[in-house]
N, C-alpha and C. Protein backbone atom coordinates (compact mmCIF):
# COMPACT_ATOMS: atom_id res chain seq x y z
N UNK A 1 -59.97 52.61 124.33
CA UNK A 1 -60.91 52.51 124.63
C UNK A 1 -61.20 53.31 125.31
N UNK A 2 -60.40 55.14 125.84
CA UNK A 2 -60.31 55.41 127.43
C UNK A 2 -60.96 57.09 127.07
N UNK A 3 -62.11 58.57 128.41
CA UNK A 3 -63.14 59.24 129.03
C UNK A 3 -64.23 59.80 128.88
N UNK A 4 -67.77 61.90 130.34
CA UNK A 4 -66.70 61.72 129.57
C UNK A 4 -65.74 62.83 129.37
N UNK A 5 -65.12 63.31 130.34
CA UNK A 5 -64.12 64.34 130.16
C UNK A 5 -62.88 63.79 129.50
N UNK A 6 -62.06 64.71 128.97
CA UNK A 6 -60.83 64.28 128.30
C UNK A 6 -59.83 63.71 129.28
N UNK A 7 -58.80 63.04 128.77
CA UNK A 7 -57.80 62.41 129.61
C UNK A 7 -57.04 63.44 130.44
N UNK A 8 -56.70 63.03 131.63
CA UNK A 8 -55.95 63.93 132.50
C UNK A 8 -54.49 64.01 132.08
N UNK A 9 -53.92 62.85 131.66
CA UNK A 9 -52.52 62.81 131.24
C UNK A 9 -52.45 62.24 129.83
N UNK A 10 -51.49 62.69 129.05
CA UNK A 10 -51.40 62.26 127.66
C UNK A 10 -50.15 61.45 127.35
N UNK A 11 -49.34 61.14 128.34
CA UNK A 11 -48.03 60.59 128.04
C UNK A 11 -47.87 59.10 128.16
N UNK A 12 -48.95 58.33 128.30
CA UNK A 12 -48.81 56.89 128.45
C UNK A 12 -48.40 56.24 127.15
N UNK A 13 -47.63 55.17 127.22
CA UNK A 13 -47.35 54.40 126.01
C UNK A 13 -48.61 53.75 125.50
N UNK A 14 -48.65 53.42 124.21
CA UNK A 14 -49.84 52.85 123.61
C UNK A 14 -49.89 51.35 123.85
N UNK A 15 -51.09 50.83 123.99
CA UNK A 15 -51.26 49.40 124.18
C UNK A 15 -51.07 48.66 122.86
N UNK A 16 -50.69 47.40 122.95
CA UNK A 16 -50.69 46.51 121.81
C UNK A 16 -51.95 45.67 121.88
N UNK A 17 -52.87 45.81 120.94
CA UNK A 17 -54.15 45.12 121.03
C UNK A 17 -54.04 43.66 120.62
N UNK A 18 -55.00 42.83 121.04
CA UNK A 18 -55.04 41.45 120.58
C UNK A 18 -55.21 41.39 119.08
N UNK A 19 -54.79 40.30 118.48
CA UNK A 19 -54.83 40.19 117.02
C UNK A 19 -56.06 39.45 116.53
N UNK A 20 -57.03 39.17 117.41
CA UNK A 20 -58.20 38.41 117.02
C UNK A 20 -59.28 39.30 116.45
N UNK A 21 -60.08 38.74 115.57
CA UNK A 21 -61.27 39.39 115.02
C UNK A 21 -60.95 40.75 114.41
N UNK A 22 -59.95 40.83 113.58
CA UNK A 22 -59.55 42.09 112.98
C UNK A 22 -59.78 42.04 111.48
N UNK A 23 -60.42 43.06 110.94
CA UNK A 23 -60.66 43.11 109.51
C UNK A 23 -59.39 43.54 108.79
N UNK A 24 -59.03 42.86 107.73
CA UNK A 24 -57.79 43.18 107.04
C UNK A 24 -57.89 44.47 106.24
N UNK A 25 -59.11 44.85 105.87
CA UNK A 25 -59.24 46.05 105.04
C UNK A 25 -59.37 47.31 105.87
N UNK A 26 -59.12 47.20 107.17
CA UNK A 26 -59.20 48.36 108.04
C UNK A 26 -57.80 48.90 108.31
N UNK A 27 -57.68 50.14 108.74
CA UNK A 27 -56.39 50.71 109.03
C UNK A 27 -55.68 49.89 110.10
N UNK A 28 -54.36 49.97 110.20
CA UNK A 28 -53.62 49.13 111.15
C UNK A 28 -54.18 49.24 112.55
N UNK A 29 -54.22 48.10 113.24
CA UNK A 29 -54.80 48.03 114.57
C UNK A 29 -54.13 48.98 115.54
N UNK A 30 -52.83 49.11 115.48
CA UNK A 30 -52.15 49.98 116.44
C UNK A 30 -52.67 51.39 116.34
N UNK A 31 -52.97 51.84 115.12
CA UNK A 31 -53.51 53.18 114.96
C UNK A 31 -54.90 53.26 115.54
N UNK A 32 -55.70 52.20 115.35
CA UNK A 32 -57.05 52.21 115.86
C UNK A 32 -57.04 52.27 117.38
N UNK A 33 -56.07 51.61 117.99
CA UNK A 33 -56.11 51.48 119.44
C UNK A 33 -55.27 52.52 120.16
N UNK A 34 -54.60 53.37 119.44
CA UNK A 34 -53.74 54.34 120.11
C UNK A 34 -54.54 55.22 121.04
N UNK A 35 -55.74 55.60 120.62
CA UNK A 35 -56.54 56.48 121.45
C UNK A 35 -57.38 55.70 122.44
N UNK A 36 -57.81 54.54 122.02
CA UNK A 36 -58.66 53.74 122.87
C UNK A 36 -58.04 53.43 124.21
N UNK A 37 -56.79 53.04 124.20
CA UNK A 37 -56.15 52.68 125.44
C UNK A 37 -55.92 53.89 126.32
N UNK A 38 -55.61 54.99 125.70
CA UNK A 38 -55.46 56.20 126.49
C UNK A 38 -56.77 56.53 127.19
N UNK A 39 -57.88 56.39 126.47
CA UNK A 39 -59.17 56.69 127.08
C UNK A 39 -59.41 55.82 128.28
N UNK A 40 -59.09 54.55 128.18
CA UNK A 40 -59.44 53.64 129.26
C UNK A 40 -58.55 53.75 130.46
N UNK A 41 -57.36 54.30 130.33
CA UNK A 41 -56.39 54.07 131.39
C UNK A 41 -55.84 55.26 132.11
N UNK A 42 -56.08 56.48 131.67
CA UNK A 42 -55.35 57.56 132.32
C UNK A 42 -56.25 58.67 132.79
N UNK A 43 -57.15 58.34 133.66
CA UNK A 43 -58.05 59.32 134.23
C UNK A 43 -57.62 59.67 135.65
N UNK A 44 -56.37 59.92 135.82
CA UNK A 44 -55.87 60.14 137.18
C UNK A 44 -56.56 61.31 137.85
N UNK A 45 -56.62 62.42 137.14
CA UNK A 45 -57.26 63.59 137.72
C UNK A 45 -58.73 63.34 137.97
N UNK A 46 -59.40 62.71 137.02
CA UNK A 46 -60.82 62.43 137.19
C UNK A 46 -61.04 61.47 138.34
N UNK A 47 -60.17 60.46 138.45
CA UNK A 47 -60.31 59.52 139.55
C UNK A 47 -60.16 60.20 140.89
N UNK A 48 -59.22 61.11 140.95
CA UNK A 48 -59.01 61.84 142.20
C UNK A 48 -60.23 62.68 142.53
N UNK A 49 -60.81 63.31 141.50
CA UNK A 49 -61.92 64.22 141.73
C UNK A 49 -63.15 63.50 142.22
N UNK A 50 -63.31 62.23 141.84
CA UNK A 50 -64.51 61.52 142.23
C UNK A 50 -64.30 60.62 143.43
N UNK A 51 -63.14 60.68 144.04
CA UNK A 51 -62.90 59.93 145.26
C UNK A 51 -63.66 60.56 146.42
N UNK A 52 -63.84 59.81 147.52
CA UNK A 52 -64.44 60.42 148.70
C UNK A 52 -63.62 61.64 149.13
N UNK A 53 -64.24 62.59 149.82
CA UNK A 53 -63.53 63.81 150.21
C UNK A 53 -62.22 63.49 150.91
N UNK A 54 -61.19 64.20 150.53
CA UNK A 54 -59.87 63.97 151.12
C UNK A 54 -59.81 64.56 152.52
N UNK A 55 -59.04 63.91 153.37
CA UNK A 55 -58.90 64.36 154.74
C UNK A 55 -58.08 65.65 154.81
N UNK A 56 -58.39 66.46 155.77
CA UNK A 56 -57.61 67.67 156.04
C UNK A 56 -56.83 67.47 157.33
N UNK A 57 -55.81 68.29 157.49
CA UNK A 57 -55.07 68.24 158.74
C UNK A 57 -55.98 68.69 159.88
N UNK A 58 -55.66 68.28 161.09
CA UNK A 58 -56.52 68.58 162.23
C UNK A 58 -56.68 70.07 162.45
N UNK A 59 -55.69 70.85 162.06
CA UNK A 59 -55.78 72.30 162.23
C UNK A 59 -56.55 72.97 161.12
N UNK A 60 -56.77 72.23 160.02
CA UNK A 60 -57.45 72.81 158.88
C UNK A 60 -56.59 73.77 158.09
N UNK A 61 -55.31 73.87 158.43
CA UNK A 61 -54.45 74.87 157.81
C UNK A 61 -53.76 74.37 156.55
N UNK A 62 -53.79 73.09 156.29
CA UNK A 62 -53.08 72.59 155.12
C UNK A 62 -53.53 71.20 154.76
N UNK A 63 -52.91 70.62 153.76
CA UNK A 63 -53.32 69.28 153.32
C UNK A 63 -52.95 68.23 154.35
N UNK A 64 -53.72 67.15 154.35
CA UNK A 64 -53.44 66.05 155.25
C UNK A 64 -52.26 65.24 154.73
N UNK A 65 -51.78 64.35 155.56
CA UNK A 65 -50.72 63.43 155.16
C UNK A 65 -51.17 62.60 153.96
N UNK A 66 -52.44 62.21 153.96
CA UNK A 66 -52.98 61.44 152.84
C UNK A 66 -52.86 62.22 151.54
N UNK A 67 -53.28 63.47 151.56
CA UNK A 67 -53.24 64.28 150.35
C UNK A 67 -51.82 64.42 149.80
N UNK A 68 -50.88 64.62 150.70
CA UNK A 68 -49.49 64.77 150.27
C UNK A 68 -49.00 63.49 149.61
N UNK A 69 -49.25 62.36 150.26
CA UNK A 69 -48.81 61.08 149.70
C UNK A 69 -49.50 60.79 148.37
N UNK A 70 -50.78 61.09 148.31
CA UNK A 70 -51.54 60.85 147.08
C UNK A 70 -51.00 61.71 145.94
N UNK A 71 -50.67 62.94 146.27
CA UNK A 71 -50.11 63.84 145.26
C UNK A 71 -48.82 63.28 144.69
N UNK A 72 -47.93 62.82 145.54
CA UNK A 72 -46.65 62.29 145.06
C UNK A 72 -46.85 61.01 144.25
N UNK A 73 -47.80 60.18 144.66
CA UNK A 73 -48.08 58.96 143.90
C UNK A 73 -48.62 59.30 142.52
N UNK A 74 -49.51 60.28 142.44
CA UNK A 74 -50.04 60.70 141.14
C UNK A 74 -48.95 61.30 140.27
N UNK A 75 -48.06 62.07 140.88
CA UNK A 75 -46.96 62.65 140.11
C UNK A 75 -46.07 61.55 139.53
N UNK A 76 -45.83 60.51 140.30
CA UNK A 76 -45.03 59.39 139.78
C UNK A 76 -45.73 58.74 138.60
N UNK A 77 -47.05 58.59 138.68
CA UNK A 77 -47.79 58.02 137.56
C UNK A 77 -47.73 58.94 136.35
N UNK A 78 -47.86 60.23 136.59
CA UNK A 78 -47.80 61.20 135.50
C UNK A 78 -46.47 61.11 134.76
N UNK A 79 -45.40 60.85 135.47
CA UNK A 79 -44.07 60.74 134.88
C UNK A 79 -43.80 59.35 134.31
N UNK A 80 -44.78 58.46 134.40
CA UNK A 80 -44.59 57.10 133.90
C UNK A 80 -43.76 56.22 134.81
N UNK A 81 -43.57 56.64 136.05
CA UNK A 81 -42.76 55.89 137.01
C UNK A 81 -43.65 54.93 137.81
N UNK A 82 -44.18 53.94 137.11
CA UNK A 82 -45.15 53.04 137.73
C UNK A 82 -44.53 52.22 138.85
N UNK A 83 -43.24 51.90 138.71
CA UNK A 83 -42.59 51.10 139.74
C UNK A 83 -42.48 51.87 141.06
N UNK A 84 -42.48 53.21 140.98
CA UNK A 84 -42.48 54.03 142.19
C UNK A 84 -43.90 54.31 142.68
N UNK A 85 -44.81 54.49 141.75
CA UNK A 85 -46.19 54.81 142.12
C UNK A 85 -46.90 53.63 142.77
N UNK A 86 -46.60 52.42 142.31
CA UNK A 86 -47.32 51.25 142.81
C UNK A 86 -47.21 51.07 144.32
N UNK A 87 -46.01 51.04 144.91
CA UNK A 87 -45.95 50.85 146.37
C UNK A 87 -46.59 52.01 147.12
N UNK A 88 -46.53 53.21 146.56
CA UNK A 88 -47.17 54.35 147.22
C UNK A 88 -48.69 54.19 147.24
N UNK A 89 -49.26 53.77 146.11
CA UNK A 89 -50.70 53.55 146.06
C UNK A 89 -51.11 52.38 146.95
N UNK A 90 -50.31 51.33 146.95
CA UNK A 90 -50.60 50.19 147.82
C UNK A 90 -50.63 50.62 149.28
N UNK A 91 -49.66 51.42 149.67
CA UNK A 91 -49.62 51.90 151.06
C UNK A 91 -50.86 52.71 151.39
N UNK A 92 -51.31 53.52 150.44
CA UNK A 92 -52.51 54.33 150.68
C UNK A 92 -53.75 53.47 150.82
N UNK A 93 -53.83 52.37 150.06
CA UNK A 93 -55.00 51.49 150.21
C UNK A 93 -55.01 50.81 151.57
N UNK A 94 -53.83 50.58 152.13
CA UNK A 94 -53.77 49.97 153.46
C UNK A 94 -54.10 50.99 154.55
N UNK A 95 -53.61 52.22 154.36
CA UNK A 95 -53.83 53.25 155.37
C UNK A 95 -55.25 53.82 155.29
N UNK A 96 -55.80 53.89 154.08
CA UNK A 96 -57.12 54.49 153.86
C UNK A 96 -57.92 53.59 152.92
N UNK A 97 -58.30 52.41 153.36
CA UNK A 97 -58.95 51.45 152.46
C UNK A 97 -60.30 51.90 151.93
N UNK A 98 -60.91 52.88 152.56
CA UNK A 98 -62.24 53.33 152.12
C UNK A 98 -62.17 54.45 151.09
N UNK A 99 -60.99 54.87 150.72
CA UNK A 99 -60.84 55.88 149.69
C UNK A 99 -60.70 55.19 148.34
N UNK A 100 -61.53 55.57 147.38
CA UNK A 100 -61.57 54.88 146.08
C UNK A 100 -60.40 55.23 145.18
N UNK A 101 -59.87 56.46 145.31
CA UNK A 101 -58.84 56.92 144.38
C UNK A 101 -57.63 56.02 144.27
N UNK A 102 -56.99 55.64 145.38
CA UNK A 102 -55.82 54.76 145.28
C UNK A 102 -56.14 53.41 144.65
N UNK A 103 -57.32 52.85 144.97
CA UNK A 103 -57.70 51.57 144.35
C UNK A 103 -57.81 51.72 142.84
N UNK A 104 -58.44 52.81 142.42
CA UNK A 104 -58.61 53.05 140.98
C UNK A 104 -57.26 53.19 140.28
N UNK A 105 -56.37 53.95 140.88
CA UNK A 105 -55.07 54.15 140.25
C UNK A 105 -54.22 52.88 140.27
N UNK A 106 -54.39 52.04 141.28
CA UNK A 106 -53.75 50.72 141.25
C UNK A 106 -54.25 49.91 140.07
N UNK A 107 -55.55 50.00 139.81
CA UNK A 107 -56.11 49.30 138.65
C UNK A 107 -55.42 49.75 137.37
N UNK A 108 -55.18 51.05 137.25
CA UNK A 108 -54.48 51.57 136.08
C UNK A 108 -53.07 50.99 135.99
N UNK A 109 -52.37 51.00 137.11
CA UNK A 109 -51.00 50.48 137.13
C UNK A 109 -50.97 49.01 136.74
N UNK A 110 -51.86 48.23 137.33
CA UNK A 110 -51.88 46.79 137.03
C UNK A 110 -52.26 46.54 135.57
N UNK A 111 -53.16 47.34 135.03
CA UNK A 111 -53.52 47.19 133.62
C UNK A 111 -52.32 47.48 132.74
N UNK A 112 -51.61 48.56 133.07
CA UNK A 112 -50.46 48.96 132.26
C UNK A 112 -49.35 47.92 132.29
N UNK A 113 -49.29 47.15 133.37
CA UNK A 113 -48.21 46.16 133.52
C UNK A 113 -48.70 44.74 133.28
N UNK A 114 -49.90 44.61 132.72
CA UNK A 114 -50.38 43.31 132.28
C UNK A 114 -50.86 42.38 133.37
N UNK A 115 -51.12 42.90 134.56
CA UNK A 115 -51.60 42.06 135.67
C UNK A 115 -53.11 42.25 135.80
N UNK A 116 -53.83 41.57 134.92
CA UNK A 116 -55.24 41.87 134.77
C UNK A 116 -56.10 41.36 135.92
N UNK A 117 -55.72 40.25 136.54
CA UNK A 117 -56.49 39.77 137.70
C UNK A 117 -56.42 40.78 138.83
N UNK A 118 -55.21 41.31 139.08
CA UNK A 118 -55.06 42.33 140.12
C UNK A 118 -55.78 43.62 139.74
N UNK A 119 -55.74 43.96 138.45
CA UNK A 119 -56.43 45.16 137.98
C UNK A 119 -57.93 45.04 138.22
N UNK A 120 -58.48 43.88 137.90
CA UNK A 120 -59.92 43.66 138.11
C UNK A 120 -60.29 43.83 139.58
N UNK A 121 -59.52 43.22 140.47
CA UNK A 121 -59.82 43.31 141.90
C UNK A 121 -59.73 44.76 142.39
N UNK A 122 -58.74 45.50 141.89
CA UNK A 122 -58.58 46.88 142.34
C UNK A 122 -59.72 47.75 141.87
N UNK A 123 -60.16 47.56 140.62
CA UNK A 123 -61.30 48.33 140.12
C UNK A 123 -62.56 48.00 140.91
N UNK A 124 -62.74 46.74 141.22
CA UNK A 124 -63.91 46.34 142.00
C UNK A 124 -63.88 46.95 143.40
N UNK A 125 -62.69 47.04 143.98
CA UNK A 125 -62.56 47.70 145.28
C UNK A 125 -62.89 49.18 145.18
N UNK A 126 -62.43 49.82 144.11
CA UNK A 126 -62.75 51.24 143.91
C UNK A 126 -64.26 51.44 143.84
N UNK A 127 -64.94 50.56 143.11
CA UNK A 127 -66.39 50.68 142.98
C UNK A 127 -67.10 50.34 144.29
N UNK A 128 -66.53 49.45 145.06
CA UNK A 128 -67.11 49.12 146.37
C UNK A 128 -67.08 50.34 147.29
N UNK A 129 -66.00 51.10 147.22
CA UNK A 129 -65.85 52.27 148.08
C UNK A 129 -66.60 53.48 147.52
N UNK A 130 -66.75 53.54 146.21
CA UNK A 130 -67.45 54.66 145.58
C UNK A 130 -68.19 54.14 144.36
N UNK A 131 -69.44 53.77 144.57
CA UNK A 131 -70.23 53.20 143.49
C UNK A 131 -70.52 54.16 142.36
N UNK A 132 -70.27 55.44 142.56
CA UNK A 132 -70.51 56.43 141.52
C UNK A 132 -69.27 56.70 140.67
N UNK A 133 -68.17 56.02 140.97
CA UNK A 133 -66.93 56.26 140.22
C UNK A 133 -67.00 55.55 138.87
N UNK A 134 -67.59 56.23 137.91
CA UNK A 134 -67.77 55.64 136.59
C UNK A 134 -66.45 55.42 135.87
N UNK A 135 -65.43 56.18 136.21
CA UNK A 135 -64.11 55.94 135.62
C UNK A 135 -63.65 54.51 135.89
N UNK A 136 -63.98 54.00 137.07
CA UNK A 136 -63.57 52.63 137.41
C UNK A 136 -64.32 51.62 136.55
N UNK A 137 -65.60 51.90 136.24
CA UNK A 137 -66.33 51.00 135.34
C UNK A 137 -65.70 51.02 133.95
N UNK A 138 -65.37 52.20 133.48
CA UNK A 138 -64.74 52.30 132.17
C UNK A 138 -63.42 51.54 132.14
N UNK A 139 -62.61 51.70 133.18
CA UNK A 139 -61.33 51.01 133.24
C UNK A 139 -61.51 49.51 133.37
N UNK A 140 -62.52 49.09 134.12
CA UNK A 140 -62.79 47.66 134.26
C UNK A 140 -63.18 47.06 132.91
N UNK A 141 -63.90 47.84 132.10
CA UNK A 141 -64.21 47.38 130.75
C UNK A 141 -62.96 47.15 129.92
N UNK A 142 -61.98 48.04 130.07
CA UNK A 142 -60.70 47.86 129.37
C UNK A 142 -60.02 46.57 129.83
N UNK A 143 -60.05 46.33 131.14
CA UNK A 143 -59.44 45.12 131.69
C UNK A 143 -60.11 43.88 131.11
N UNK A 144 -61.43 43.87 131.09
CA UNK A 144 -62.15 42.72 130.54
C UNK A 144 -61.81 42.52 129.06
N UNK A 145 -61.75 43.61 128.32
CA UNK A 145 -61.44 43.49 126.89
C UNK A 145 -60.07 42.88 126.68
N UNK A 146 -59.11 43.33 127.47
CA UNK A 146 -57.75 42.83 127.30
C UNK A 146 -57.62 41.37 127.72
N UNK A 147 -58.59 40.88 128.50
CA UNK A 147 -58.62 39.47 128.87
C UNK A 147 -59.41 38.63 127.86
N UNK A 148 -59.97 39.27 126.86
CA UNK A 148 -60.81 38.57 125.90
C UNK A 148 -62.22 38.34 126.40
N UNK A 149 -62.61 38.99 127.47
CA UNK A 149 -63.95 38.83 128.05
C UNK A 149 -64.86 39.93 127.49
N UNK A 150 -65.19 39.79 126.22
CA UNK A 150 -65.84 40.88 125.50
C UNK A 150 -67.27 41.14 125.98
N UNK A 151 -68.01 40.09 126.33
CA UNK A 151 -69.37 40.30 126.82
C UNK A 151 -69.35 40.96 128.20
N UNK A 152 -68.37 40.61 129.03
CA UNK A 152 -68.24 41.29 130.32
C UNK A 152 -67.90 42.76 130.12
N UNK A 153 -67.04 43.04 129.14
CA UNK A 153 -66.70 44.43 128.84
C UNK A 153 -67.94 45.19 128.39
N UNK A 154 -68.71 44.56 127.52
CA UNK A 154 -69.94 45.20 127.05
C UNK A 154 -70.88 45.50 128.21
N UNK A 155 -71.03 44.54 129.10
CA UNK A 155 -71.94 44.70 130.24
C UNK A 155 -71.51 45.86 131.14
N UNK A 156 -70.23 45.94 131.46
CA UNK A 156 -69.79 46.98 132.39
C UNK A 156 -69.82 48.35 131.73
N UNK A 157 -69.53 48.43 130.43
CA UNK A 157 -69.66 49.70 129.72
C UNK A 157 -71.12 50.16 129.73
N UNK A 158 -72.04 49.23 129.50
CA UNK A 158 -73.45 49.60 129.49
C UNK A 158 -73.92 50.04 130.87
N UNK A 159 -73.38 49.44 131.91
CA UNK A 159 -73.69 49.90 133.26
C UNK A 159 -73.20 51.33 133.47
N UNK A 160 -72.03 51.64 132.92
CA UNK A 160 -71.50 53.00 133.03
C UNK A 160 -72.42 53.99 132.32
N UNK A 161 -72.95 53.60 131.17
CA UNK A 161 -73.84 54.49 130.43
C UNK A 161 -75.19 54.64 131.12
N UNK A 162 -75.62 53.64 131.85
CA UNK A 162 -76.86 53.78 132.62
C UNK A 162 -76.70 54.87 133.66
N UNK A 163 -75.52 54.97 134.23
CA UNK A 163 -75.26 56.01 135.23
C UNK A 163 -75.02 57.37 134.58
N UNK A 164 -74.37 57.37 133.43
CA UNK A 164 -74.07 58.62 132.74
C UNK A 164 -74.14 58.39 131.23
N UNK A 165 -75.32 58.61 130.62
CA UNK A 165 -75.48 58.37 129.18
C UNK A 165 -74.59 59.23 128.30
N UNK A 166 -74.02 60.29 128.86
CA UNK A 166 -73.19 61.19 128.07
C UNK A 166 -71.70 61.01 128.36
N UNK A 167 -71.32 59.85 128.82
CA UNK A 167 -69.92 59.55 129.11
C UNK A 167 -69.23 59.20 127.79
N UNK A 168 -68.56 60.18 127.21
CA UNK A 168 -68.03 60.05 125.85
C UNK A 168 -67.04 58.92 125.71
N UNK A 169 -66.17 58.76 126.67
CA UNK A 169 -65.14 57.72 126.57
C UNK A 169 -65.74 56.33 126.49
N UNK A 170 -66.82 56.11 127.22
CA UNK A 170 -67.46 54.80 127.18
C UNK A 170 -68.08 54.54 125.82
N UNK A 171 -68.68 55.56 125.23
CA UNK A 171 -69.20 55.40 123.87
C UNK A 171 -68.07 55.04 122.90
N UNK A 172 -66.94 55.69 123.07
CA UNK A 172 -65.78 55.38 122.23
C UNK A 172 -65.37 53.92 122.42
N UNK A 173 -65.24 53.50 123.67
CA UNK A 173 -64.80 52.14 123.95
C UNK A 173 -65.79 51.11 123.45
N UNK A 174 -67.08 51.39 123.59
CA UNK A 174 -68.09 50.49 123.05
C UNK A 174 -68.01 50.44 121.53
N UNK A 175 -67.74 51.59 120.91
CA UNK A 175 -67.57 51.59 119.46
C UNK A 175 -66.46 50.66 119.02
N UNK A 176 -65.34 50.74 119.69
CA UNK A 176 -64.21 49.86 119.37
C UNK A 176 -64.56 48.40 119.65
N UNK A 177 -65.22 48.16 120.77
CA UNK A 177 -65.59 46.78 121.13
C UNK A 177 -66.50 46.17 120.07
N UNK A 178 -67.54 46.91 119.65
CA UNK A 178 -68.45 46.39 118.63
C UNK A 178 -67.76 46.29 117.27
N UNK A 179 -66.88 47.20 116.99
CA UNK A 179 -66.20 47.24 115.69
C UNK A 179 -65.22 46.08 115.55
N UNK A 180 -64.27 45.99 116.44
CA UNK A 180 -63.15 45.06 116.26
C UNK A 180 -63.34 43.70 116.91
N UNK A 181 -64.23 43.60 117.87
CA UNK A 181 -64.33 42.34 118.62
C UNK A 181 -65.69 41.66 118.51
N UNK A 182 -66.77 42.41 118.63
CA UNK A 182 -68.10 41.81 118.56
C UNK A 182 -68.68 41.85 117.15
N UNK A 183 -67.98 42.51 116.23
CA UNK A 183 -68.33 42.47 114.81
C UNK A 183 -69.75 42.95 114.54
N UNK A 184 -70.13 44.05 115.16
CA UNK A 184 -71.45 44.64 114.94
C UNK A 184 -71.25 46.07 114.44
N UNK A 185 -71.23 46.21 113.11
CA UNK A 185 -70.94 47.52 112.52
C UNK A 185 -71.98 48.57 112.89
N UNK A 186 -73.23 48.16 112.94
CA UNK A 186 -74.30 49.12 113.21
C UNK A 186 -74.14 49.74 114.60
N UNK A 187 -73.93 48.91 115.60
CA UNK A 187 -73.75 49.44 116.96
C UNK A 187 -72.43 50.19 117.09
N UNK A 188 -71.41 49.75 116.38
CA UNK A 188 -70.13 50.47 116.41
C UNK A 188 -70.33 51.89 115.90
N UNK A 189 -71.04 52.03 114.79
CA UNK A 189 -71.29 53.36 114.22
C UNK A 189 -72.08 54.21 115.21
N UNK A 190 -73.09 53.63 115.83
CA UNK A 190 -73.91 54.39 116.78
C UNK A 190 -73.07 54.97 117.91
N UNK A 191 -72.19 54.15 118.47
CA UNK A 191 -71.40 54.63 119.60
C UNK A 191 -70.28 55.58 119.15
N UNK A 192 -69.67 55.31 118.02
CA UNK A 192 -68.67 56.25 117.50
C UNK A 192 -69.33 57.61 117.26
N UNK A 193 -70.52 57.60 116.66
CA UNK A 193 -71.19 58.86 116.36
C UNK A 193 -71.58 59.60 117.63
N UNK A 194 -72.04 58.84 118.63
CA UNK A 194 -72.40 59.48 119.89
C UNK A 194 -71.16 60.09 120.54
N UNK A 195 -70.05 59.41 120.45
CA UNK A 195 -68.79 59.96 120.96
C UNK A 195 -68.47 61.28 120.26
N UNK A 196 -68.59 61.31 118.94
CA UNK A 196 -68.33 62.54 118.20
C UNK A 196 -69.28 63.65 118.63
N UNK A 197 -70.56 63.32 118.78
CA UNK A 197 -71.54 64.33 119.19
C UNK A 197 -71.17 64.95 120.54
N UNK A 198 -70.67 64.12 121.43
CA UNK A 198 -70.36 64.59 122.79
C UNK A 198 -69.03 65.32 122.89
N UNK A 199 -68.17 65.14 121.91
CA UNK A 199 -66.83 65.74 121.99
C UNK A 199 -66.60 66.81 120.92
N UNK A 200 -67.67 67.28 120.32
CA UNK A 200 -67.52 68.39 119.40
C UNK A 200 -67.25 68.01 117.96
N UNK A 201 -67.41 66.73 117.62
CA UNK A 201 -67.31 66.28 116.23
C UNK A 201 -65.96 66.64 115.61
N UNK A 202 -64.87 66.55 116.39
CA UNK A 202 -63.56 66.98 115.91
C UNK A 202 -62.59 65.84 115.62
N UNK A 203 -62.95 64.62 115.98
CA UNK A 203 -62.01 63.51 115.85
C UNK A 203 -62.05 62.95 114.43
N UNK A 204 -61.06 63.31 113.63
CA UNK A 204 -61.06 62.91 112.22
C UNK A 204 -60.88 61.41 112.05
N UNK A 205 -60.12 60.79 112.94
CA UNK A 205 -59.92 59.34 112.83
C UNK A 205 -61.24 58.60 113.00
N UNK A 206 -62.00 59.00 114.01
CA UNK A 206 -63.28 58.33 114.25
C UNK A 206 -64.22 58.57 113.07
N UNK A 207 -64.18 59.74 112.50
CA UNK A 207 -65.00 60.00 111.31
C UNK A 207 -64.63 59.06 110.18
N UNK A 208 -63.34 58.80 110.00
CA UNK A 208 -62.91 57.86 108.96
C UNK A 208 -63.40 56.45 109.27
N UNK A 209 -63.34 56.08 110.54
CA UNK A 209 -63.79 54.73 110.90
C UNK A 209 -65.28 54.57 110.60
N UNK A 210 -66.07 55.60 110.92
CA UNK A 210 -67.51 55.55 110.62
C UNK A 210 -67.73 55.41 109.13
N UNK A 211 -66.98 56.17 108.34
CA UNK A 211 -67.11 56.09 106.89
C UNK A 211 -66.78 54.69 106.39
N UNK A 212 -65.73 54.10 106.91
CA UNK A 212 -65.34 52.75 106.50
C UNK A 212 -66.40 51.72 106.87
N UNK A 213 -66.94 51.87 108.07
CA UNK A 213 -67.98 50.94 108.52
C UNK A 213 -69.24 51.07 107.68
N UNK A 214 -69.60 52.29 107.33
CA UNK A 214 -70.77 52.49 106.47
C UNK A 214 -70.57 51.86 105.10
N UNK A 215 -69.36 51.96 104.56
CA UNK A 215 -69.07 51.33 103.28
C UNK A 215 -69.21 49.82 103.38
N UNK A 216 -68.74 49.24 104.47
CA UNK A 216 -68.86 47.79 104.66
C UNK A 216 -70.32 47.38 104.76
N UNK A 217 -71.12 48.18 105.48
CA UNK A 217 -72.54 47.87 105.60
C UNK A 217 -73.22 47.92 104.25
N UNK A 218 -72.89 48.93 103.46
CA UNK A 218 -73.51 49.06 102.13
C UNK A 218 -73.13 47.90 101.22
N UNK A 219 -71.89 47.42 101.33
CA UNK A 219 -71.45 46.30 100.50
C UNK A 219 -72.17 45.01 100.87
N UNK A 220 -72.51 44.87 102.15
CA UNK A 220 -73.14 43.64 102.62
C UNK A 220 -74.63 43.58 102.32
N UNK A 221 -75.19 44.68 101.85
CA UNK A 221 -76.64 44.71 101.58
C UNK A 221 -76.94 44.22 100.16
């Protein structure tokens, strides 16, 4: 479901999607969702970039203690070491509760480890500290989808598009939501196509999905 700049990291394992509301004549779900989950969950660099300004050392000569700790926590996430990154991010939220970045990355960690209630709270905290952090809205949509809260996912994705109509990842995620869960082929095609328009029309998989959806629409007429 996951950015709209491209993903910061590419090494996350793929999610296993729910088995509900799936068309049998479509390509295997795991293939459909391999990119979606990456879109929703690994915007570490983007999350960092949209956090409140990072503190500097009092001398101005180098990075602050916060920056150093945040860097190491992000590196742990980049390496897939979530068990190491989690306590580091938690410590940062306690030391600097008004910084959105650690809250957002905790949301990613909790989503990856299936703790969706905690993920939701962390994303909401990120948005409380930085209401412009659209990555957190996108990630919150992923959390809602994985909980089966499809209308909530739709609502938060649409809020993200109100803030940034050209957020490609959200269009992708909405396409998947309408396609596989809300069963609206027309809206799925619209968002898939908008995603292609915004990303250079290079995603062959999404082009195939649009073609398949158009065939289904034509058959139903």
